Amino acid sequence: MSESILLVEDNALVLAQLNQTLTTAGYQVTTAINGLDGYNKAQQQRFDLCIVDHLMPLMNGPQLIKNLISLAGNAPSTIMFLTTQELKVVDQISEVQLANKVLSKPISNSEFLDEVRQLIEYSSEVA
């Protein structure tokens, strides 16, 4: 399995946990500590999946999604959006509607991996 994932999360503990879960499952993971860092990395490499946190410094999740989709040849195949806010509030944000999946944190490792696998499968079908 060589699917590449960009994990953008400003909370160091959450970043470490999700990174560990993904790498143990065999994914190639690149981490970013805020939206701007994630955007810079996405400009250099195309990812099969971008996992984007909602509230981050420098560039928040919705801004990052909008910027990722505008990347000409490097736009990711799929985007997962993670939030601690209520989904009914988040669903009102227009950029969030561009994500393929929106999940609430905290999330169990098994549920998280199931969602990642589904998005990776979807991205390989549409590629």
N, C-alpha and C. Protein backbone atom coordinates (compact mmCIF):
# COMPACT_ATOMS: atom_id res chain seq x y z
N MET A 1 0.86 -1.19 0.00
CA MET A 1 0.00 0.00 0.00
C MET A 1 0.90 1.24 0.00
N SER A 2 0.72 2.09 -0.96
CA SER A 2 1.59 3.26 -1.01
C SER A 2 0.79 4.56 -1.10
N GLU A 3 -0.45 4.51 -0.66
CA GLU A 3 -1.25 5.72 -0.69
C GLU A 3 -0.64 6.78 0.20
N SER A 4 -0.59 8.00 -0.32
CA SER A 4 0.01 9.08 0.45
C SER A 4 -1.09 9.96 1.05
N ILE A 5 -0.89 10.27 2.31
CA ILE A 5 -1.87 11.06 3.06
C ILE A 5 -1.18 12.28 3.65
N LEU A 6 -1.81 13.43 3.50
CA LEU A 6 -1.36 14.65 4.18
C LEU A 6 -2.26 14.85 5.38
N LEU A 7 -1.68 14.85 6.57
CA LEU A 7 -2.42 15.00 7.82
C LEU A 7 -2.10 16.38 8.39
N VAL A 8 -3.12 17.25 8.42
CA VAL A 8 -2.93 18.63 8.87
C VAL A 8 -3.70 18.82 10.18
N GLU A 9 -2.96 18.96 11.27
CA GLU A 9 -3.57 19.03 12.61
C GLU A 9 -2.65 19.82 13.52
N ASP A 10 -3.19 20.84 14.19
CA ASP A 10 -2.34 21.69 15.04
C ASP A 10 -2.19 21.17 16.47
N ASN A 11 -3.02 20.21 16.89
CA ASN A 11 -2.90 19.64 18.22
C ASN A 11 -1.88 18.50 18.17
N ALA A 12 -0.75 18.67 18.86
CA ALA A 12 0.35 17.72 18.77
C ALA A 12 -0.05 16.31 19.19
N LEU A 13 -0.87 16.18 20.23
CA LEU A 13 -1.29 14.86 20.68
C LEU A 13 -2.18 14.16 19.66
N VAL A 14 -3.13 14.90 19.10
CA VAL A 14 -4.03 14.34 18.09
C VAL A 14 -3.23 13.99 16.84
N LEU A 15 -2.32 14.87 16.45
CA LEU A 15 -1.46 14.63 15.29
C LEU A 15 -0.67 13.33 15.47
N ALA A 16 -0.07 13.16 16.64
CA ALA A 16 0.73 11.96 16.91
C ALA A 16 -0.14 10.70 16.87
N GLN A 17 -1.33 10.78 17.48
CA GLN A 17 -2.22 9.61 17.52
C GLN A 17 -2.67 9.21 16.12
N LEU A 18 -3.14 10.18 15.34
CA LEU A 18 -3.64 9.88 14.00
C LEU A 18 -2.50 9.42 13.09
N ASN A 19 -1.33 10.04 13.23
CA ASN A 19 -0.17 9.65 12.43
C ASN A 19 0.21 8.20 12.73
N GLN A 20 0.24 7.86 14.01
CA GLN A 20 0.57 6.48 14.42
C GLN A 20 -0.45 5.49 13.84
N THR A 21 -1.73 5.82 13.94
CA THR A 21 -2.80 4.96 13.43
C THR A 21 -2.63 4.72 11.92
N LEU A 22 -2.36 5.80 11.19
CA LEU A 22 -2.23 5.70 9.73
C LEU A 22 -0.96 4.95 9.31
N THR A 23 0.17 5.26 9.94
CA THR A 23 1.42 4.60 9.54
C THR A 23 1.38 3.12 9.90
N THR A 24 0.77 2.77 11.03
CA THR A 24 0.63 1.36 11.42
C THR A 24 -0.21 0.60 10.40
N ALA A 25 -1.19 1.30 9.80
CA ALA A 25 -2.05 0.69 8.79
C ALA A 25 -1.36 0.63 7.42
N GLY A 26 -0.15 1.20 7.32
CA GLY A 26 0.61 1.07 6.09
C GLY A 26 0.58 2.26 5.15
N TYR A 27 0.00 3.35 5.58
CA TYR A 27 -0.06 4.53 4.71
C TYR A 27 1.22 5.36 4.83
N GLN A 28 1.57 6.06 3.76
CA GLN A 28 2.68 7.01 3.79
C GLN A 28 2.09 8.34 4.24
N VAL A 29 2.51 8.82 5.39
CA VAL A 29 1.91 10.02 5.98
C VAL A 29 2.91 11.17 6.02
N THR A 30 2.45 12.32 5.55
CA THR A 30 3.18 13.57 5.70
C THR A 30 2.36 14.41 6.66
N THR A 31 2.99 14.96 7.69
CA THR A 31 2.25 15.75 8.66
C THR A 31 2.52 17.24 8.48
N ALA A 32 1.53 18.03 8.88
CA ALA A 32 1.65 19.49 8.86
C ALA A 32 1.02 20.01 10.15
N ILE A 33 1.62 21.06 10.73
CA ILE A 33 1.17 21.53 12.04
C ILE A 33 0.17 22.67 11.98
N ASN A 34 -0.10 23.18 10.78
CA ASN A 34 -1.14 24.20 10.62
C ASN A 34 -1.53 24.25 9.13
N GLY A 35 -2.53 25.04 8.82
CA GLY A 35 -3.03 25.09 7.46
C GLY A 35 -2.01 25.58 6.45
N LEU A 36 -1.22 26.58 6.83
CA LEU A 36 -0.23 27.12 5.91
C LEU A 36 0.85 26.08 5.62
N ASP A 37 1.29 25.38 6.65
CA ASP A 37 2.27 24.31 6.50
C ASP A 37 1.71 23.23 5.57
N GLY A 38 0.45 22.87 5.79
CA GLY A 38 -0.20 21.86 4.94
C GLY A 38 -0.30 22.30 3.49
N TYR A 39 -0.66 23.55 3.29
CA TYR A 39 -0.78 24.07 1.93
C TYR A 39 0.57 24.06 1.22
N ASN A 40 1.62 24.47 1.92
CA ASN A 40 2.96 24.47 1.33
C ASN A 40 3.38 23.05 0.92
N LYS A 41 3.08 22.06 1.76
CA LYS A 41 3.44 20.67 1.43
C LYS A 41 2.60 20.15 0.27
N ALA A 42 1.33 20.56 0.20
CA ALA A 42 0.46 20.11 -0.89
C ALA A 42 0.87 20.73 -2.23
N GLN A 43 1.54 21.87 -2.19
CA GLN A 43 2.03 22.48 -3.43
C GLN A 43 3.20 21.68 -4.00
N GLN A 44 3.92 20.98 -3.14
CA GLN A 44 5.11 20.25 -3.56
C GLN A 44 4.82 18.81 -3.98
N GLN A 45 3.71 18.26 -3.51
CA GLN A 45 3.42 16.84 -3.76
C GLN A 45 1.91 16.65 -3.82
N ARG A 46 1.46 15.72 -4.69
CA ARG A 46 0.04 15.40 -4.76
C ARG A 46 -0.25 14.26 -3.79
N PHE A 47 -1.33 14.39 -3.02
CA PHE A 47 -1.70 13.37 -2.04
C PHE A 47 -3.00 12.69 -2.45
N ASP A 48 -3.11 11.40 -2.10
CA ASP A 48 -4.35 10.66 -2.36
C ASP A 48 -5.47 11.15 -1.44
N LEU A 49 -5.09 11.55 -0.23
CA LEU A 49 -6.07 12.01 0.76
C LEU A 49 -5.44 13.10 1.61
N CYS A 50 -6.19 14.17 1.82
CA CYS A 50 -5.78 15.21 2.78
C CYS A 50 -6.76 15.17 3.93
N ILE A 51 -6.23 15.06 5.14
CA ILE A 51 -7.05 15.08 6.36
C ILE A 51 -6.81 16.44 7.00
N VAL A 52 -7.87 17.22 7.08
CA VAL A 52 -7.76 18.63 7.46
C VAL A 52 -8.52 18.90 8.76
N ASP A 53 -7.82 19.46 9.74
CA ASP A 53 -8.46 19.89 10.99
C ASP A 53 -9.21 21.20 10.74
N HIS A 54 -10.20 21.47 11.55
CA HIS A 54 -11.04 22.66 11.38
C HIS A 54 -10.35 23.94 11.84
N LEU A 55 -10.13 24.03 13.14
CA LEU A 55 -9.63 25.28 13.72
C LEU A 55 -8.13 25.22 13.91
N MET A 56 -7.41 25.98 13.09
CA MET A 56 -5.94 26.00 13.16
C MET A 56 -5.44 27.43 12.97
N PRO A 57 -4.22 27.70 13.46
CA PRO A 57 -3.63 29.03 13.24
C PRO A 57 -3.12 29.18 11.80
N LEU A 58 -2.89 30.41 11.40
CA LEU A 58 -2.33 30.81 10.11
C LEU A 58 -3.27 30.58 8.93
N MET A 59 -3.88 29.41 8.84
CA MET A 59 -4.89 29.14 7.81
C MET A 59 -5.80 28.05 8.37
N ASN A 60 -7.08 28.36 8.54
CA ASN A 60 -7.96 27.35 9.14
C ASN A 60 -8.37 26.29 8.10
N GLY A 61 -9.07 25.27 8.57
CA GLY A 61 -9.44 24.15 7.72
C GLY A 61 -10.24 24.54 6.48
N PRO A 62 -11.32 25.33 6.63
CA PRO A 62 -12.08 25.73 5.45
C PRO A 62 -11.23 26.48 4.41
N GLN A 63 -10.37 27.38 4.87
CA GLN A 63 -9.49 28.10 3.93
C GLN A 63 -8.54 27.13 3.24
N LEU A 64 -8.02 26.17 3.99
CA LEU A 64 -7.10 25.19 3.43
C LEU A 64 -7.80 24.34 2.37
N ILE A 65 -9.02 23.90 2.65
CA ILE A 65 -9.77 23.10 1.66
C ILE A 65 -9.91 23.88 0.35
N LYS A 66 -10.32 25.13 0.48
CA LYS A 66 -10.50 25.98 -0.71
C LYS A 66 -9.18 26.09 -1.49
N ASN A 67 -8.09 26.30 -0.79
CA ASN A 67 -6.78 26.42 -1.43
C ASN A 67 -6.30 25.10 -2.03
N LEU A 68 -6.56 23.98 -1.35
CA LEU A 68 -6.15 22.68 -1.87
C LEU A 68 -6.85 22.37 -3.19
N ILE A 69 -8.14 22.65 -3.24
CA ILE A 69 -8.91 22.35 -4.45
C ILE A 69 -8.45 23.21 -5.62
N SER A 70 -7.91 24.39 -5.32
CA SER A 70 -7.46 25.28 -6.39
C SER A 70 -6.07 24.92 -6.92
N LEU A 71 -5.40 23.96 -6.29
CA LEU A 71 -4.07 23.55 -6.75
C LEU A 71 -4.23 22.80 -8.07
N ALA A 72 -3.71 23.34 -9.13
CA ALA A 72 -3.91 22.78 -10.47
C ALA A 72 -3.62 21.28 -10.53
N GLY A 73 -2.36 20.90 -10.67
CA GLY A 73 -2.03 19.50 -10.82
C GLY A 73 -1.89 18.75 -9.51
N ASN A 74 -1.87 19.45 -8.41
CA ASN A 74 -1.63 18.81 -7.12
C ASN A 74 -2.87 18.73 -6.22
N ALA A 75 -4.04 19.05 -6.74
CA ALA A 75 -5.25 18.95 -5.91
C ALA A 75 -5.40 17.51 -5.43
N PRO A 76 -5.69 17.30 -4.15
CA PRO A 76 -5.82 15.93 -3.64
C PRO A 76 -7.05 15.24 -4.22
N SER A 77 -6.99 13.91 -4.30
CA SER A 77 -8.13 13.14 -4.80
C SER A 77 -9.33 13.28 -3.88
N THR A 78 -9.08 13.20 -2.58
CA THR A 78 -10.16 13.28 -1.60
C THR A 78 -9.70 14.08 -0.38
N ILE A 79 -10.70 14.64 0.32
CA ILE A 79 -10.43 15.44 1.51
C ILE A 79 -11.35 14.99 2.64
N MET A 80 -10.74 14.78 3.81
CA MET A 80 -11.50 14.49 5.04
C MET A 80 -11.34 15.70 5.95
N PHE A 81 -12.45 16.15 6.52
CA PHE A 81 -12.47 17.32 7.40
C PHE A 81 -12.79 16.85 8.81
N LEU A 82 -11.96 17.22 9.78
CA LEU A 82 -12.16 16.85 11.18
C LEU A 82 -12.50 18.09 12.00
N THR A 83 -13.50 17.96 12.87
CA THR A 83 -13.90 19.11 13.68
C THR A 83 -14.34 18.67 15.07
N THR A 84 -14.20 19.59 16.02
CA THR A 84 -14.74 19.35 17.36
C THR A 84 -16.08 20.07 17.52
N GLN A 85 -16.46 20.86 16.54
CA GLN A 85 -17.72 21.59 16.61
C GLN A 85 -18.87 20.71 16.13
N GLU A 86 -20.10 21.14 16.44
CA GLU A 86 -21.27 20.38 16.01
C GLU A 86 -21.35 20.35 14.50
N LEU A 87 -21.70 19.18 13.96
CA LEU A 87 -21.74 19.04 12.51
C LEU A 87 -22.76 19.96 11.86
N LYS A 88 -23.88 20.23 12.56
CA LYS A 88 -24.89 21.11 11.95
C LYS A 88 -24.36 22.54 11.80
N VAL A 89 -23.44 22.94 12.67
CA VAL A 89 -22.80 24.26 12.55
C VAL A 89 -21.79 24.24 11.41
N VAL A 90 -20.99 23.20 11.38
CA VAL A 90 -19.93 23.07 10.37
C VAL A 90 -20.53 22.95 8.97
N ASP A 91 -21.66 22.28 8.85
CA ASP A 91 -22.30 22.10 7.54
C ASP A 91 -22.71 23.42 6.89
N GLN A 92 -22.78 24.48 7.68
CA GLN A 92 -23.15 25.80 7.15
C GLN A 92 -21.97 26.48 6.44
N ILE A 93 -20.76 25.97 6.64
CA ILE A 93 -19.57 26.59 6.05
C ILE A 93 -19.42 26.07 4.62
N SER A 94 -19.47 26.97 3.65
CA SER A 94 -19.50 26.53 2.25
C SER A 94 -18.29 25.70 1.85
N GLU A 95 -17.10 26.08 2.32
CA GLU A 95 -15.89 25.33 1.94
C GLU A 95 -15.92 23.89 2.45
N VAL A 96 -16.56 23.68 3.59
CA VAL A 96 -16.61 22.34 4.17
C VAL A 96 -17.40 21.40 3.25
N GLN A 97 -18.35 21.94 2.51
CA GLN A 97 -19.14 21.13 1.58
C GLN A 97 -18.27 20.55 0.46
N LEU A 98 -17.07 21.11 0.27
CA LEU A 98 -16.16 20.60 -0.75
C LEU A 98 -15.41 19.36 -0.28
N ALA A 99 -15.45 19.08 1.01
CA ALA A 99 -14.79 17.89 1.55
C ALA A 99 -15.61 16.65 1.22
N ASN A 100 -14.93 15.51 1.06
CA ASN A 100 -15.62 14.27 0.75
C ASN A 100 -16.24 13.65 1.99
N LYS A 101 -15.69 13.97 3.16
CA LYS A 101 -16.19 13.40 4.41
C LYS A 101 -15.92 14.38 5.55
N VAL A 102 -16.90 14.53 6.44
CA VAL A 102 -16.74 15.39 7.62
C VAL A 102 -16.95 14.50 8.85
N LEU A 103 -15.99 14.52 9.76
CA LEU A 103 -16.07 13.70 10.96
C LEU A 103 -15.89 14.55 12.21
N SER A 104 -16.59 14.12 13.28
CA SER A 104 -16.46 14.79 14.58
C SER A 104 -15.35 14.15 15.39
N LYS A 105 -14.59 15.00 16.07
CA LYS A 105 -13.59 14.50 17.02
C LYS A 105 -14.20 14.58 18.41
N PRO A 106 -13.80 13.75 19.35
CA PRO A 106 -12.85 12.67 19.17
C PRO A 106 -13.46 11.52 18.36
N ILE A 107 -12.58 10.74 17.72
CA ILE A 107 -13.02 9.62 16.90
C ILE A 107 -12.18 8.41 17.27
N SER A 108 -12.81 7.24 17.27
CA SER A 108 -12.06 6.03 17.59
C SER A 108 -11.12 5.70 16.44
N ASN A 109 -10.01 5.05 16.76
CA ASN A 109 -9.05 4.68 15.72
C ASN A 109 -9.68 3.80 14.65
N SER A 110 -10.52 2.84 15.08
CA SER A 110 -11.11 1.92 14.10
C SER A 110 -12.08 2.64 13.17
N GLU A 111 -12.91 3.53 13.71
CA GLU A 111 -13.83 4.29 12.87
C GLU A 111 -13.06 5.21 11.92
N PHE A 112 -12.02 5.84 12.44
CA PHE A 112 -11.19 6.73 11.63
C PHE A 112 -10.57 5.96 10.46
N LEU A 113 -9.99 4.80 10.74
CA LEU A 113 -9.36 4.00 9.69
C LEU A 113 -10.38 3.51 8.67
N ASP A 114 -11.56 3.13 9.12
CA ASP A 114 -12.62 2.71 8.19
C ASP A 114 -12.94 3.83 7.21
N GLU A 115 -13.08 5.04 7.73
CA GLU A 115 -13.39 6.19 6.87
C GLU A 115 -12.25 6.49 5.90
N VAL A 116 -11.01 6.39 6.39
CA VAL A 116 -9.84 6.62 5.54
C VAL A 116 -9.82 5.59 4.40
N ARG A 117 -10.03 4.33 4.74
CA ARG A 117 -10.01 3.27 3.72
C ARG A 117 -11.07 3.53 2.65
N GLN A 118 -12.26 3.92 3.08
CA GLN A 118 -13.33 4.20 2.12
C GLN A 118 -12.95 5.34 1.18
N LEU A 119 -12.37 6.41 1.72
CA LEU A 119 -11.98 7.55 0.89
C LEU A 119 -10.83 7.19 -0.05
N ILE A 120 -9.89 6.39 0.42
CA ILE A 120 -8.76 5.95 -0.43
C ILE A 120 -9.30 5.09 -1.58
N GLU A 121 -10.21 4.18 -1.27
CA GLU A 121 -10.82 3.34 -2.31
C GLU A 121 -11.54 4.22 -3.33
N TYR A 122 -12.28 5.19 -2.83
CA TYR A 122 -13.00 6.11 -3.71
C TYR A 122 -12.03 6.89 -4.59
N SER A 123 -10.93 7.36 -4.01
CA SER A 123 -9.97 8.16 -4.78
C SER A 123 -9.31 7.34 -5.87
N SER A 124 -9.09 6.04 -5.62
CA SER A 124 -8.47 5.21 -6.65
C SER A 124 -9.46 4.89 -7.77
N GLU A 125 -10.76 4.89 -7.45
CA GLU A 125 -11.79 4.65 -8.48
C GLU A 125 -11.95 5.84 -9.40
N VAL A 126 -11.83 7.05 -8.85
CA VAL A 126 -12.05 8.26 -9.67
C VAL A 126 -10.76 8.76 -10.33
N ALA A 127 -9.62 8.20 -9.91
CA ALA A 127 -8.33 8.66 -10.46
C ALA A 127 -8.17 8.25 -11.93
